[in-house]
N, C-alpha and C. Protein backbone atom coordinates (compact mmCIF):
# COMPACT_ATOMS: atom_id res chain seq x y z
N UNK A 1 -11.39 -2.53 10.61
CA UNK A 1 -12.27 -3.27 11.31
C UNK A 1 -11.52 -4.17 12.24
N UNK A 2 -12.43 -4.17 12.90
CA UNK A 2 -11.24 -4.95 14.43
C UNK A 2 -12.41 -6.22 14.56
N UNK A 3 -12.30 -7.78 15.41
CA UNK A 3 -12.86 -8.62 15.30
C UNK A 3 -12.44 -9.15 16.49
N UNK A 4 -13.33 -9.83 16.97
CA UNK A 4 -12.89 -11.00 18.16
C UNK A 4 -14.25 -12.04 17.86
N UNK A 5 -13.76 -13.44 18.56
CA UNK A 5 -14.67 -14.73 18.33
C UNK A 5 -15.02 -15.16 19.67
N UNK A 6 -16.01 -15.92 19.72
CA UNK A 6 -16.17 -16.55 21.32
C UNK A 6 -17.18 -17.60 20.79
N UNK A 7 -16.42 -18.93 21.48
CA UNK A 7 -16.90 -20.35 21.01
C UNK A 7 -17.43 -20.85 22.69
N UNK A 8 -18.58 -20.54 22.64
CA UNK A 8 -19.05 -21.74 23.62
C UNK A 8 -19.07 -23.55 23.29
N UNK A 9 -17.99 -24.31 23.79
CA UNK A 9 -17.90 -25.09 24.51
C UNK A 9 -17.54 -25.88 25.61
N UNK A 10 -17.89 -26.85 25.35
CA UNK A 10 -17.75 -28.05 26.73
C UNK A 10 -16.31 -28.78 26.71
N UNK A 11 -15.87 -28.58 25.54
CA UNK A 11 -14.19 -29.19 25.05
C UNK A 11 -13.28 -28.00 24.97
N UNK A 12 -12.90 -26.92 25.95
CA UNK A 12 -12.38 -25.64 25.54
C UNK A 12 -10.55 -26.66 24.89
N UNK A 13 -10.55 -27.51 25.10
CA UNK A 13 -8.71 -28.10 24.81
C UNK A 13 -8.60 -28.21 23.06
N UNK A 14 -10.30 -28.85 22.30
CA UNK A 14 -10.10 -29.19 21.36
C UNK A 14 -10.45 -27.85 20.82
N UNK A 15 -10.49 -26.60 21.33
CA UNK A 15 -10.86 -25.06 20.63
C UNK A 15 -9.31 -24.51 20.67
N UNK A 16 -8.56 -24.95 21.75
CA UNK A 16 -7.83 -24.46 21.28
C UNK A 16 -6.49 -24.64 20.39
N UNK A 17 -6.34 -26.33 20.72
CA UNK A 17 -5.75 -27.22 19.43
C UNK A 17 -6.09 -26.54 18.43
N UNK A 18 -7.25 -26.30 18.07
CA UNK A 18 -8.17 -25.75 16.59
C UNK A 18 -7.54 -24.54 16.51
N UNK A 19 -7.18 -23.49 16.97
CA UNK A 19 -6.34 -22.57 17.56
C UNK A 19 -5.11 -22.65 17.04
N UNK A 20 -4.75 -23.52 17.60
CA UNK A 20 -2.97 -23.61 17.35
C UNK A 20 -2.42 -24.04 16.10
N UNK A 21 -3.68 -25.06 15.49
CA UNK A 21 -3.19 -25.40 14.22
C UNK A 21 -3.72 -24.29 13.14
N UNK A 22 -4.76 -23.50 13.46
CA UNK A 22 -4.34 -22.19 12.32
C UNK A 22 -2.76 -21.30 12.13
N UNK A 23 -2.38 -21.25 13.73
CA UNK A 23 -1.38 -20.47 13.91
C UNK A 23 -0.06 -21.22 13.32
N UNK A 24 0.21 -22.52 13.05
CA UNK A 24 1.04 -23.17 12.50
C UNK A 24 1.00 -23.22 11.52
N UNK A 25 -0.09 -23.26 11.02
CA UNK A 25 -0.41 -23.01 9.03
C UNK A 25 -0.03 -21.65 8.71
N UNK A 26 -0.66 -20.92 9.46
CA UNK A 26 0.11 -19.13 8.76
C UNK A 26 0.92 -18.94 9.17
N UNK A 27 2.08 -19.78 10.31
CA UNK A 27 3.55 -18.77 10.34
C UNK A 27 4.17 -19.58 9.53
N UNK A 28 3.61 -20.55 8.89
CA UNK A 28 4.42 -21.48 8.03
C UNK A 28 4.25 -20.96 6.07
N UNK A 29 3.10 -20.41 6.14
CA UNK A 29 2.79 -19.80 4.95
C UNK A 29 3.31 -18.43 4.73
N UNK A 30 3.35 -17.55 5.95
CA UNK A 30 4.12 -16.07 6.42
C UNK A 30 5.83 -16.32 5.80
N UNK A 31 6.34 -17.09 6.32
CA UNK A 31 7.39 -17.75 6.66
C UNK A 31 7.89 -17.99 5.11
N UNK A 32 7.14 -18.43 4.19
CA UNK A 32 7.15 -19.36 2.64
C UNK A 32 6.86 -18.11 1.83
N UNK A 33 6.60 -17.08 1.99
CA UNK A 33 6.25 -15.61 1.71
C UNK A 33 7.68 -15.08 1.60
N UNK A 34 7.82 -14.58 3.07
CA UNK A 34 9.17 -13.70 3.01
C UNK A 34 10.04 -14.53 2.10
N UNK A 35 9.94 -16.02 2.10
CA UNK A 35 10.96 -16.64 1.44
C UNK A 35 11.48 -16.17 0.09
N UNK A 36 10.00 -16.53 -0.59
CA UNK A 36 9.98 -16.16 -1.58
C UNK A 36 10.32 -14.14 -1.92
N UNK A 37 10.08 -13.65 -0.90
CA UNK A 37 10.20 -12.01 -1.47
C UNK A 37 11.54 -12.13 -1.15
N UNK A 38 12.29 -12.88 -0.82
CA UNK A 38 13.98 -12.61 -0.21
C UNK A 38 14.77 -12.89 -1.84
N UNK A 39 13.97 -14.30 -2.44
CA UNK A 39 14.79 -14.71 -3.53
C UNK A 39 14.51 -13.83 -4.81
N UNK A 40 13.27 -12.97 -4.72
CA UNK A 40 12.87 -11.69 -5.43
C UNK A 40 14.11 -10.73 -5.75
N UNK A 41 13.72 -10.03 -4.23
CA UNK A 41 15.10 -9.25 -4.07
C UNK A 41 16.48 -9.56 -4.68
N UNK A 42 17.12 -10.99 -3.70
CA UNK A 42 18.49 -11.42 -4.22
C UNK A 42 18.58 -11.22 -5.84
N UNK A 43 17.52 -12.33 -6.71
CA UNK A 43 17.62 -12.42 -8.10
C UNK A 43 17.79 -10.53 -8.54
N UNK A 44 17.28 -9.84 -8.28
CA UNK A 44 17.71 -8.24 -8.51
C UNK A 44 18.34 -8.20 -8.19
N UNK A 45 19.16 -8.32 -7.23
CA UNK A 45 20.71 -7.98 -6.53
C UNK A 45 21.73 -8.16 -7.91
N UNK A 46 21.56 -9.77 -7.41
CA UNK A 46 22.69 -10.38 -8.60
C UNK A 46 22.69 -9.48 -10.11
N UNK A 47 21.35 -9.03 -10.68
CA UNK A 47 21.71 -9.06 -11.58
C UNK A 47 21.96 -7.55 -12.00
N UNK A 48 22.44 -6.68 -10.87
CA UNK A 48 22.35 -5.26 -11.12
C UNK A 48 21.24 -4.49 -11.03
N UNK A 49 19.94 -5.01 -10.90
CA UNK A 49 18.36 -4.17 -11.27
C UNK A 49 18.12 -3.39 -9.58
N UNK A 50 18.07 -2.25 -9.73
CA UNK A 50 17.89 -1.16 -8.91
C UNK A 50 16.14 -1.68 -8.34
N UNK A 51 15.82 -1.87 -7.08
CA UNK A 51 14.26 -2.17 -7.29
C UNK A 51 13.42 -1.39 -7.55
N UNK A 52 12.28 -1.01 -7.86
CA UNK A 52 11.38 -0.58 -8.36
C UNK A 52 10.80 0.42 -6.69
N UNK A 53 11.07 1.98 -7.26
CA UNK A 53 10.74 2.62 -5.94
C UNK A 53 9.39 2.53 -5.61
N UNK A 54 8.32 2.00 -6.03
CA UNK A 54 7.29 1.56 -5.30
C UNK A 54 7.20 0.07 -4.97
N UNK A 55 8.15 -0.70 -4.85
CA UNK A 55 8.62 -1.92 -3.93
C UNK A 55 8.21 -1.82 -2.59
N UNK A 56 7.42 -2.19 -2.17
CA UNK A 56 7.64 -2.46 -0.28
C UNK A 56 7.19 -4.02 -0.11
N UNK A 57 8.48 -3.97 1.46
CA UNK A 57 8.38 -5.31 1.65
C UNK A 57 7.21 -5.68 2.95
N UNK A 58 6.91 -6.61 2.80
CA UNK A 58 5.40 -7.39 3.58
C UNK A 58 5.94 -6.60 4.87
N UNK A 59 7.13 -6.73 5.53
CA UNK A 59 7.30 -6.03 7.03
C UNK A 59 6.36 -4.49 6.57
N UNK A 60 7.28 -3.57 5.45
CA UNK A 60 7.08 -2.16 5.92
C UNK A 60 5.60 -2.01 5.81
N UNK A 61 4.86 -2.93 5.40
CA UNK A 61 3.50 -2.71 4.40
C UNK A 61 2.64 -3.26 5.56
N UNK A 62 3.18 -4.10 6.87
CA UNK A 62 2.49 -4.13 7.90
C UNK A 62 1.60 -5.62 7.34
N UNK A 63 2.43 -6.00 6.67
CA UNK A 63 1.12 -7.82 6.23
C UNK A 63 1.93 -8.47 7.60
N UNK A 64 2.08 -9.08 8.51
CA UNK A 64 2.43 -9.81 9.09
C UNK A 64 1.84 -9.83 10.13
N UNK A 65 1.37 -11.69 10.66
CA UNK A 65 0.76 -12.31 11.20
C UNK A 65 -0.04 -11.60 12.85
N UNK A 66 -0.91 -10.81 13.29
CA UNK A 66 -1.60 -10.42 14.18
C UNK A 66 -1.07 -11.83 15.03
N UNK A 67 -1.03 -10.80 16.46
CA UNK A 67 -0.69 -11.57 17.75
C UNK A 67 -2.35 -11.91 18.17
N UNK A 68 -2.23 -12.63 18.91
CA UNK A 68 -3.93 -12.88 19.75
C UNK A 68 -4.01 -13.51 20.65
N UNK A 69 -4.63 -12.86 21.60
CA UNK A 69 -4.77 -13.69 22.91
C UNK A 69 -6.48 -14.33 23.49
N UNK A 70 -6.10 -15.25 23.38
CA UNK A 70 -7.38 -16.46 23.82
C UNK A 70 -7.40 -16.30 25.53
N UNK A 71 -8.87 -16.07 25.39
CA UNK A 71 -9.18 -16.36 26.97
C UNK A 71 -9.80 -17.21 27.70
N UNK A 72 -9.34 -18.36 28.40
CA UNK A 72 -10.49 -19.06 28.47
C UNK A 72 -11.03 -18.72 29.62
N UNK A 73 -12.43 -18.72 29.87
CA UNK A 73 -13.35 -18.69 30.62
C UNK A 73 -14.16 -19.62 31.34
N UNK A 74 -15.06 -19.57 31.82
CA UNK A 74 -15.54 -21.33 32.47
C UNK A 74 -15.16 -22.24 30.46
N UNK A 75 -16.99 -21.77 30.29
CA UNK A 75 -17.23 -22.92 29.14
C UNK A 75 -17.36 -21.67 27.91
N UNK A 76 -16.75 -20.53 27.65
CA UNK A 76 -16.87 -19.93 26.86
C UNK A 76 -14.90 -19.63 26.61
N UNK A 77 -14.09 -19.76 24.94
CA UNK A 77 -13.17 -19.43 25.03
C UNK A 77 -12.99 -17.90 23.65
N UNK A 78 -12.93 -17.20 24.38
CA UNK A 78 -12.75 -15.89 23.51
C UNK A 78 -11.28 -15.49 22.45
N UNK A 79 -11.29 -14.97 21.42
CA UNK A 79 -10.08 -14.93 20.86
C UNK A 79 -10.45 -13.30 20.35
N UNK A 80 -9.11 -12.71 20.70
CA UNK A 80 -8.90 -11.31 20.80
C UNK A 80 -7.31 -11.37 19.43
N UNK A 81 -7.72 -11.37 18.82
CA UNK A 81 -6.69 -10.79 17.15
C UNK A 81 -6.18 -9.51 17.78
N UNK A 82 -4.81 -8.84 17.81
CA UNK A 82 -4.57 -7.72 18.24
C UNK A 82 -4.06 -6.96 16.94
N UNK A 83 -4.84 -6.00 16.68
CA UNK A 83 -4.54 -5.37 14.92
C UNK A 83 -3.97 -4.11 15.45
N UNK A 84 -2.26 -4.02 14.48
CA UNK A 84 -1.80 -2.88 14.91
C UNK A 84 -1.32 -1.74 14.06
N UNK A 85 -1.45 -2.48 12.72
CA UNK A 85 -1.17 -2.17 11.43
C UNK A 85 -2.17 -1.99 10.58
N UNK A 86 -2.04 -0.54 9.74
CA UNK A 86 -3.28 -0.60 8.45
C UNK A 86 -4.04 -1.67 8.08
N UNK A 87 -3.02 -2.37 7.48
CA UNK A 87 -2.73 -3.39 6.78
C UNK A 87 -3.81 -4.85 7.69
N UNK A 88 -3.36 -5.33 8.25
CA UNK A 88 -3.79 -5.76 9.73
C UNK A 88 -5.63 -4.91 10.08
N UNK A 89 -6.10 -3.61 9.65
CA UNK A 89 -7.15 -3.44 10.30
C UNK A 89 -8.21 -3.25 8.98
N UNK A 90 -7.02 -3.85 7.92
CA UNK A 90 -7.97 -3.80 6.49
C UNK A 90 -8.15 -5.30 6.04
N UNK A 91 -7.99 -6.01 6.62
CA UNK A 91 -7.95 -7.24 6.33
C UNK A 91 -8.34 -8.75 7.43
N UNK A 92 -9.32 -9.37 6.83
CA UNK A 92 -9.64 -10.39 8.22
C UNK A 92 -8.70 -10.86 8.70
N UNK A 93 -8.73 -11.46 10.43
CA UNK A 93 -7.55 -11.77 10.80
C UNK A 93 -7.32 -13.08 10.95
N UNK A 94 -5.82 -13.89 11.09
CA UNK A 94 -5.93 -15.43 10.74
C UNK A 94 -6.78 -16.08 11.31
N UNK A 95 -7.09 -16.32 12.96
CA UNK A 95 -8.46 -16.82 13.40
C UNK A 95 -9.55 -17.15 12.69
N UNK A 96 -9.87 -16.34 11.98
CA UNK A 96 -11.42 -16.29 11.22
C UNK A 96 -10.69 -17.21 9.96
N UNK A 97 -11.67 -17.98 9.73
CA UNK A 97 -11.42 -19.39 8.88
C UNK A 97 -12.64 -19.79 8.66
N UNK A 98 -12.97 -20.32 6.88
CA UNK A 98 -14.47 -20.31 6.54
C UNK A 98 -14.91 -21.51 6.85
N UNK A 99 -13.81 -22.71 7.26
CA UNK A 99 -14.03 -23.80 8.00
C UNK A 99 -14.63 -23.86 9.30
N UNK A 100 -14.88 -22.49 9.93
CA UNK A 100 -15.57 -23.04 11.57
C UNK A 100 -17.20 -22.35 10.95
N UNK A 101 -17.06 -22.18 10.08
CA UNK A 101 -18.77 -22.22 9.68
C UNK A 101 -19.17 -23.41 9.11
N UNK A 102 -18.76 -24.65 8.65
CA UNK A 102 -19.23 -25.88 8.74
C UNK A 102 -19.74 -26.22 9.64
N UNK A 103 -20.83 -27.02 9.56
CA UNK A 103 -22.09 -27.47 10.05
C UNK A 103 -21.10 -28.73 11.40
N UNK A 104 -20.00 -29.41 10.97
CA UNK A 104 -19.37 -30.16 11.16
C UNK A 104 -18.52 -30.05 11.89
N UNK A 105 -17.62 -28.40 11.98
CA UNK A 105 -16.68 -28.10 12.66
C UNK A 105 -17.09 -28.32 14.33
N UNK A 106 -15.88 -28.13 14.86
CA UNK A 106 -15.88 -28.28 16.29
C UNK A 106 -16.36 -26.62 17.01
N UNK A 107 -16.00 -25.67 16.21
CA UNK A 107 -16.32 -24.40 16.89
C UNK A 107 -17.66 -24.13 16.27
N UNK A 108 -18.72 -25.15 15.58
CA UNK A 108 -20.20 -24.76 15.65
C UNK A 108 -21.09 -25.72 16.71
N UNK A 109 -19.95 -27.01 16.99
CA UNK A 109 -21.08 -27.68 17.57
C UNK A 109 -21.83 -27.40 18.52
N UNK A 110 -21.09 -26.18 19.44
CA UNK A 110 -22.26 -25.75 20.33
C UNK A 110 -22.27 -24.41 20.36
N UNK A 111 -22.11 -23.49 18.99
CA UNK A 111 -22.28 -22.18 19.05
C UNK A 111 -20.89 -21.77 19.23
N UNK A 112 -20.96 -20.44 18.30
CA UNK A 112 -19.81 -19.45 18.22
C UNK A 112 -20.77 -17.95 17.57
N UNK A 113 -19.77 -17.28 18.49
CA UNK A 113 -20.12 -15.68 18.57
C UNK A 113 -19.23 -15.12 17.64
N UNK A 114 -19.13 -14.12 16.52
CA UNK A 114 -18.36 -13.81 15.73
C UNK A 114 -18.68 -12.09 15.77
N UNK A 115 -17.74 -10.92 16.26
CA UNK A 115 -17.76 -9.58 17.01
C UNK A 115 -17.03 -8.93 15.85
N UNK A 116 -17.72 -7.44 15.23
CA UNK A 116 -16.83 -6.92 14.26
C UNK A 116 -16.79 -5.35 14.62
N UNK A 117 -16.70 -4.47 14.43
CA UNK A 117 -17.13 -3.31 15.24
C UNK A 117 -15.51 -1.94 14.45
N UNK A 118 -16.06 -0.88 14.08
CA UNK A 118 -15.21 0.22 13.60
C UNK A 118 -15.40 1.61 14.26
N UNK A 119 -15.44 2.49 13.83
CA UNK A 119 -15.38 3.42 14.69
C UNK A 119 -16.92 3.94 15.71
N UNK A 120 -17.72 3.42 14.53
CA UNK A 120 -18.80 3.75 15.00
C UNK A 120 -20.06 2.45 14.95
N UNK A 121 -20.08 1.37 14.56
CA UNK A 121 -20.42 0.35 14.35
C UNK A 121 -20.65 -1.31 15.02
N UNK A 122 -21.34 -1.82 15.91
CA UNK A 122 -20.81 -2.81 15.62
C UNK A 122 -21.95 -4.39 15.61
N UNK A 123 -21.24 -5.15 14.76
CA UNK A 123 -21.86 -6.33 14.61
C UNK A 123 -21.58 -7.71 15.68
N UNK A 124 -22.73 -8.62 15.56
CA UNK A 124 -22.48 -9.56 16.14
C UNK A 124 -23.66 -10.62 15.88
N UNK A 125 -23.08 -12.01 15.37
CA UNK A 125 -23.91 -12.67 15.06
C UNK A 125 -23.38 -14.40 15.78
N UNK A 126 -24.13 -14.92 16.35
CA UNK A 126 -24.03 -15.94 16.70
C UNK A 126 -24.86 -17.55 15.31
N UNK A 127 -23.39 -18.08 15.57
CA UNK A 127 -24.05 -19.31 14.47
C UNK A 127 -23.75 -20.68 14.93
N UNK A 128 -24.77 -21.35 15.10
CA UNK A 128 -24.71 -22.80 15.07
C UNK A 128 -24.91 -23.95 14.60
N UNK A 129 -24.16 -25.04 14.20
CA UNK A 129 -24.44 -26.09 13.41
C UNK A 129 -24.15 -25.46 12.37
N UNK A 130 -23.57 -24.58 11.83
CA UNK A 130 -23.81 -23.44 10.33
C UNK A 130 -24.59 -23.31 9.72
N UNK A 131 -25.59 -22.64 11.09
CA UNK A 131 -26.82 -21.46 10.94
C UNK A 131 -26.79 -20.41 11.38
N UNK A 132 -26.88 -19.49 10.89
CA UNK A 132 -27.08 -17.91 11.48
C UNK A 132 -28.42 -18.43 12.42
N UNK A 133 -28.06 -18.61 13.93
CA UNK A 133 -29.31 -18.18 14.75
C UNK A 133 -29.93 -16.65 15.43
N UNK A 134 -28.74 -15.79 15.32
CA UNK A 134 -29.28 -14.55 15.78
C UNK A 134 -28.10 -13.46 14.97
N UNK A 135 -28.81 -11.79 14.77
CA UNK A 135 -27.94 -11.46 14.29
C UNK A 135 -28.20 -9.62 15.01
N UNK A 136 -27.28 -9.31 15.40
CA UNK A 136 -27.97 -7.36 15.83
C UNK A 136 -26.69 -6.59 15.57
N UNK A 137 -27.09 -5.06 14.90
CA UNK A 137 -26.06 -4.55 14.32
C UNK A 137 -26.18 -3.16 15.45
N UNK A 138 -25.44 -2.60 16.43
CA UNK A 138 -25.72 -1.26 17.07
C UNK A 138 -24.65 -0.14 17.13
N UNK A 139 -25.18 0.84 17.18
CA UNK A 139 -24.46 1.72 16.87
C UNK A 139 -22.85 1.59 18.60
N UNK A 140 -22.11 2.42 18.44
CA UNK A 140 -20.85 1.98 19.50
C UNK A 140 -20.60 3.74 19.84
N UNK A 141 -19.97 4.07 20.87
CA UNK A 141 -18.90 5.49 21.22
C UNK A 141 -18.01 4.67 21.27
N UNK A 142 -16.92 4.94 20.59
CA UNK A 142 -15.48 4.39 20.92
C UNK A 142 -14.82 5.02 21.83
N UNK A 143 -15.22 6.20 22.46
CA UNK A 143 -14.58 6.60 24.23
C UNK A 143 -15.11 5.20 25.12
N UNK A 144 -16.16 4.57 24.99
CA UNK A 144 -16.79 3.85 25.91
C UNK A 144 -16.38 2.09 25.71
N UNK A 145 -15.35 1.88 24.85
CA UNK A 145 -15.24 0.51 24.33
C UNK A 145 -14.51 0.13 25.39
N UNK A 146 -13.58 0.97 26.67
CA UNK A 146 -12.58 0.01 27.34
C UNK A 146 -13.53 0.27 28.87
N UNK A 147 -14.83 0.61 28.87
CA UNK A 147 -15.35 0.66 30.18
C UNK A 147 -16.27 -0.30 30.88
N UNK A 148 -15.90 -1.70 29.69
CA UNK A 148 -17.12 -2.48 30.35
C UNK A 148 -18.94 -2.61 29.95
N UNK A 149 -18.73 -1.65 29.34
CA UNK A 149 -20.18 -1.27 28.94
C UNK A 149 -20.76 -2.24 27.34
N UNK A 150 -19.49 -3.11 26.53
CA UNK A 150 -19.71 -3.45 25.39
C UNK A 150 -19.05 -5.47 26.07
N UNK A 151 -20.55 -5.91 26.65
CA UNK A 151 -20.46 -7.34 26.69
C UNK A 151 -21.08 -8.07 26.55
N UNK A 152 -21.35 -9.52 25.78
CA UNK A 152 -22.09 -10.27 25.68
C UNK A 152 -23.56 -10.64 26.46
N UNK A 153 -23.04 -10.02 27.53
CA UNK A 153 -24.17 -10.07 27.92
C UNK A 153 -25.28 -9.16 28.03
N UNK A 154 -24.86 -7.86 27.26
CA UNK A 154 -25.60 -5.94 27.49
C UNK A 154 -25.51 -6.04 26.20
N UNK A 155 -24.79 -6.44 25.05
CA UNK A 155 -25.37 -6.41 23.64
C UNK A 155 -26.08 -6.87 22.86
N UNK A 156 -25.77 -8.52 23.10
CA UNK A 156 -26.52 -9.68 22.41
C UNK A 156 -27.92 -9.04 22.70
N UNK A 157 -28.44 -9.65 21.65
CA UNK A 157 -30.05 -9.51 21.37
C UNK A 157 -30.88 -10.64 22.52
N UNK A 158 -31.82 -10.25 22.49
CA UNK A 158 -32.32 -11.40 23.99
C UNK A 158 -32.78 -12.84 22.96
N UNK A 159 -33.58 -12.77 21.93
CA UNK A 159 -33.00 -14.03 21.11
C UNK A 159 -31.43 -14.35 21.54
N UNK A 160 -30.73 -14.38 20.94
CA UNK A 160 -29.34 -14.66 20.93
C UNK A 160 -28.75 -14.97 22.21
N UNK A 161 -29.31 -14.32 23.67
CA UNK A 161 -28.89 -14.91 24.74
C UNK A 161 -29.75 -16.25 24.82
N UNK A 162 -31.08 -16.11 25.02
CA UNK A 162 -31.74 -17.01 25.06
C UNK A 162 -31.10 -18.37 24.49
N UNK A 163 -30.46 -18.53 23.05
CA UNK A 163 -30.57 -19.86 22.11
C UNK A 163 -29.26 -20.20 22.89
N UNK A 164 -28.37 -19.03 23.63
CA UNK A 164 -27.51 -19.90 24.19
C UNK A 164 -27.56 -20.34 25.90
N UNK A 165 -28.42 -19.75 26.37
CA UNK A 165 -28.77 -20.27 27.43
C UNK A 165 -29.42 -21.85 27.89
N UNK A 166 -30.25 -22.01 26.14
CA UNK A 166 -30.77 -22.82 26.21
C UNK A 166 -29.81 -24.11 25.55
N UNK A 167 -28.60 -24.07 25.17
CA UNK A 167 -27.86 -24.87 24.59
C UNK A 167 -27.28 -25.65 25.33
N UNK A 168 -27.08 -27.10 24.71
CA UNK A 168 -26.17 -28.26 25.50
C UNK A 168 -25.27 -27.47 25.99
N UNK A 169 -24.32 -26.34 25.96
CA UNK A 169 -23.24 -26.02 27.12
C UNK A 169 -24.16 -25.48 28.23
N UNK A 170 -25.14 -24.74 28.27
CA UNK A 170 -26.07 -24.56 29.80
C UNK A 170 -26.15 -25.41 30.45
N UNK A 171 -27.33 -26.11 29.55
CA UNK A 171 -27.79 -27.11 30.05
C UNK A 171 -27.10 -27.92 31.29
N UNK A 172 -25.63 -28.16 30.44
CA UNK A 172 -24.48 -29.35 31.56
C UNK A 172 -23.68 -28.41 32.04
N UNK A 173 -23.28 -26.73 32.35
CA UNK A 173 -22.77 -25.98 33.21
C UNK A 173 -23.85 -25.42 34.59
N UNK A 174 -22.76 -25.41 35.47
CA UNK A 174 -23.54 -24.97 36.51
C UNK A 174 -23.35 -23.46 36.69
N UNK A 175 -22.74 -22.71 35.81
CA UNK A 175 -23.21 -21.12 35.87
C UNK A 175 -22.43 -21.06 34.46
N UNK A 176 -23.02 -20.67 33.38
CA UNK A 176 -22.77 -20.76 32.46
C UNK A 176 -22.88 -18.71 32.12
N UNK A 177 -21.69 -17.65 32.29
CA UNK A 177 -21.42 -16.21 32.33
C UNK A 177 -21.37 -15.70 31.08
N UNK A 178 -22.44 -14.45 30.59
CA UNK A 178 -22.31 -14.37 29.55
C UNK A 178 -21.41 -13.05 30.04
N UNK A 179 -21.26 -12.41 30.81
CA UNK A 179 -20.84 -11.62 31.35
C UNK A 179 -19.35 -11.13 30.77
N UNK A 180 -19.28 -11.22 29.31
CA UNK A 180 -17.23 -11.29 28.77
C UNK A 180 -17.25 -10.08 28.05
N UNK A 181 -16.23 -9.54 28.34
CA UNK A 181 -16.32 -8.28 27.17
C UNK A 181 -15.45 -8.67 25.60
N UNK A 182 -16.67 -8.03 25.08
CA UNK A 182 -16.62 -8.48 23.60
C UNK A 182 -15.16 -7.72 22.91
N UNK A 183 -14.48 -6.87 23.51
CA UNK A 183 -13.66 -6.36 23.11
C UNK A 183 -11.79 -6.43 24.47
N UNK A 184 -11.04 -6.91 23.51
CA UNK A 184 -9.97 -6.78 24.86
C UNK A 184 -9.42 -5.77 25.63
N UNK A 185 -9.94 -5.66 27.18
CA UNK A 185 -9.13 -5.21 27.50
C UNK A 185 -8.49 -4.44 27.83
N UNK A 186 -7.86 -3.29 27.81
CA UNK A 186 -7.03 -2.54 27.41
C UNK A 186 -5.97 -2.90 29.13
N UNK A 187 -6.60 -3.45 30.29
CA UNK A 187 -5.70 -3.87 31.01
C UNK A 187 -5.59 -5.41 31.35
N UNK A 188 -5.60 -6.17 30.40
CA UNK A 188 -6.12 -7.04 30.13
C UNK A 188 -3.91 -8.42 31.05
N UNK A 189 -3.71 -7.79 30.32
CA UNK A 189 -1.93 -8.28 30.70
C UNK A 189 -1.63 -8.27 32.63
N UNK A 190 -2.70 -6.87 33.07
CA UNK A 190 -2.24 -6.89 34.14
C UNK A 190 -3.74 -7.66 35.31
N UNK A 191 -4.73 -8.13 34.04
CA UNK A 191 -5.80 -8.56 34.89
C UNK A 191 -5.92 -10.22 34.62
N UNK A 192 -5.37 -10.46 33.65
CA UNK A 192 -5.23 -12.12 33.14
C UNK A 192 -3.97 -12.11 33.15
N UNK A 193 -4.53 -14.23 34.04
CA UNK A 193 -2.97 -15.05 34.45
C UNK A 193 -2.65 -15.62 32.79
N UNK A 194 -1.51 -15.48 32.34
CA UNK A 194 -1.13 -15.78 31.42
C UNK A 194 -0.31 -17.47 31.52
N UNK A 195 -1.08 -18.89 30.85
CA UNK A 195 -0.98 -19.75 31.04
C UNK A 195 0.16 -20.24 29.84
N UNK A 196 0.05 -20.19 28.56
CA UNK A 196 1.22 -20.29 27.92
C UNK A 196 1.28 -19.27 26.54
N UNK A 197 2.70 -19.33 25.98
CA UNK A 197 2.18 -18.69 24.86
C UNK A 197 3.18 -19.24 23.69
N UNK A 198 2.77 -18.51 22.63
CA UNK A 198 3.51 -19.63 21.71
C UNK A 198 3.61 -18.43 20.34
N UNK A 199 4.56 -18.51 19.29
CA UNK A 199 4.59 -17.00 18.92
C UNK A 199 3.91 -16.45 18.08
N UNK A 200 2.45 -16.58 18.16
CA UNK A 200 1.70 -15.54 17.91
C UNK A 200 0.32 -15.25 19.02
N UNK A 201 0.46 -16.74 19.50
CA UNK A 201 -0.85 -16.70 20.94
C UNK A 201 -0.75 -16.73 22.43
N UNK A 202 -0.97 -15.52 23.00
CA UNK A 202 -0.93 -15.35 23.98
C UNK A 202 -2.29 -16.14 24.80
N UNK A 203 -2.06 -17.62 25.67
CA UNK A 203 -3.62 -18.25 26.24
C UNK A 203 -3.65 -17.50 27.91
N UNK A 204 -4.47 -17.07 28.13
CA UNK A 204 -5.05 -16.14 29.57
C UNK A 204 -6.13 -17.46 29.97
N UNK A 205 -5.55 -17.49 31.29
CA UNK A 205 -6.72 -18.04 32.28
C UNK A 205 -7.51 -17.16 32.99
């Protein structure tokens, strides 16, 4: 399963700080887990105990934090986790946080769109102030994922589009464009300008 997240906002820098705070926490937790794994291995070596043949390290398992591309549109911040291992494919990516669904969260202030898909089915939902405003499921053609066919404007149901277009952001924005890709385009490195990079995050304008 793959995911993307799209935050409608008048405060893009607050959303980006929120993402970077999550990154800091996940990097710390992963570092602690690696340290614990190292202690276990070293303790076994000191005792002359051969590792269990079924023992697989986190890096071998593919249990490493995903890289994330953050795209700054005019009034929308899109988050695209890049999942490249089976472990990452089978687990919810670290940018997803249950606190993001809390009514008081910065990510709920003006609305958050969650998108998930597999080889045949795409699901998207619009949450605002802790409430699910609109949802949709649709069959997809995997061969067209990078064709520009799957954008918020083309895939969202009418009630979702209307809810977004009647939001406070839309009312205060000169032009709230919903023609944004739900999936990370393969040519993003060539077409988007990178303005900042951290250990896990690439922020593009």
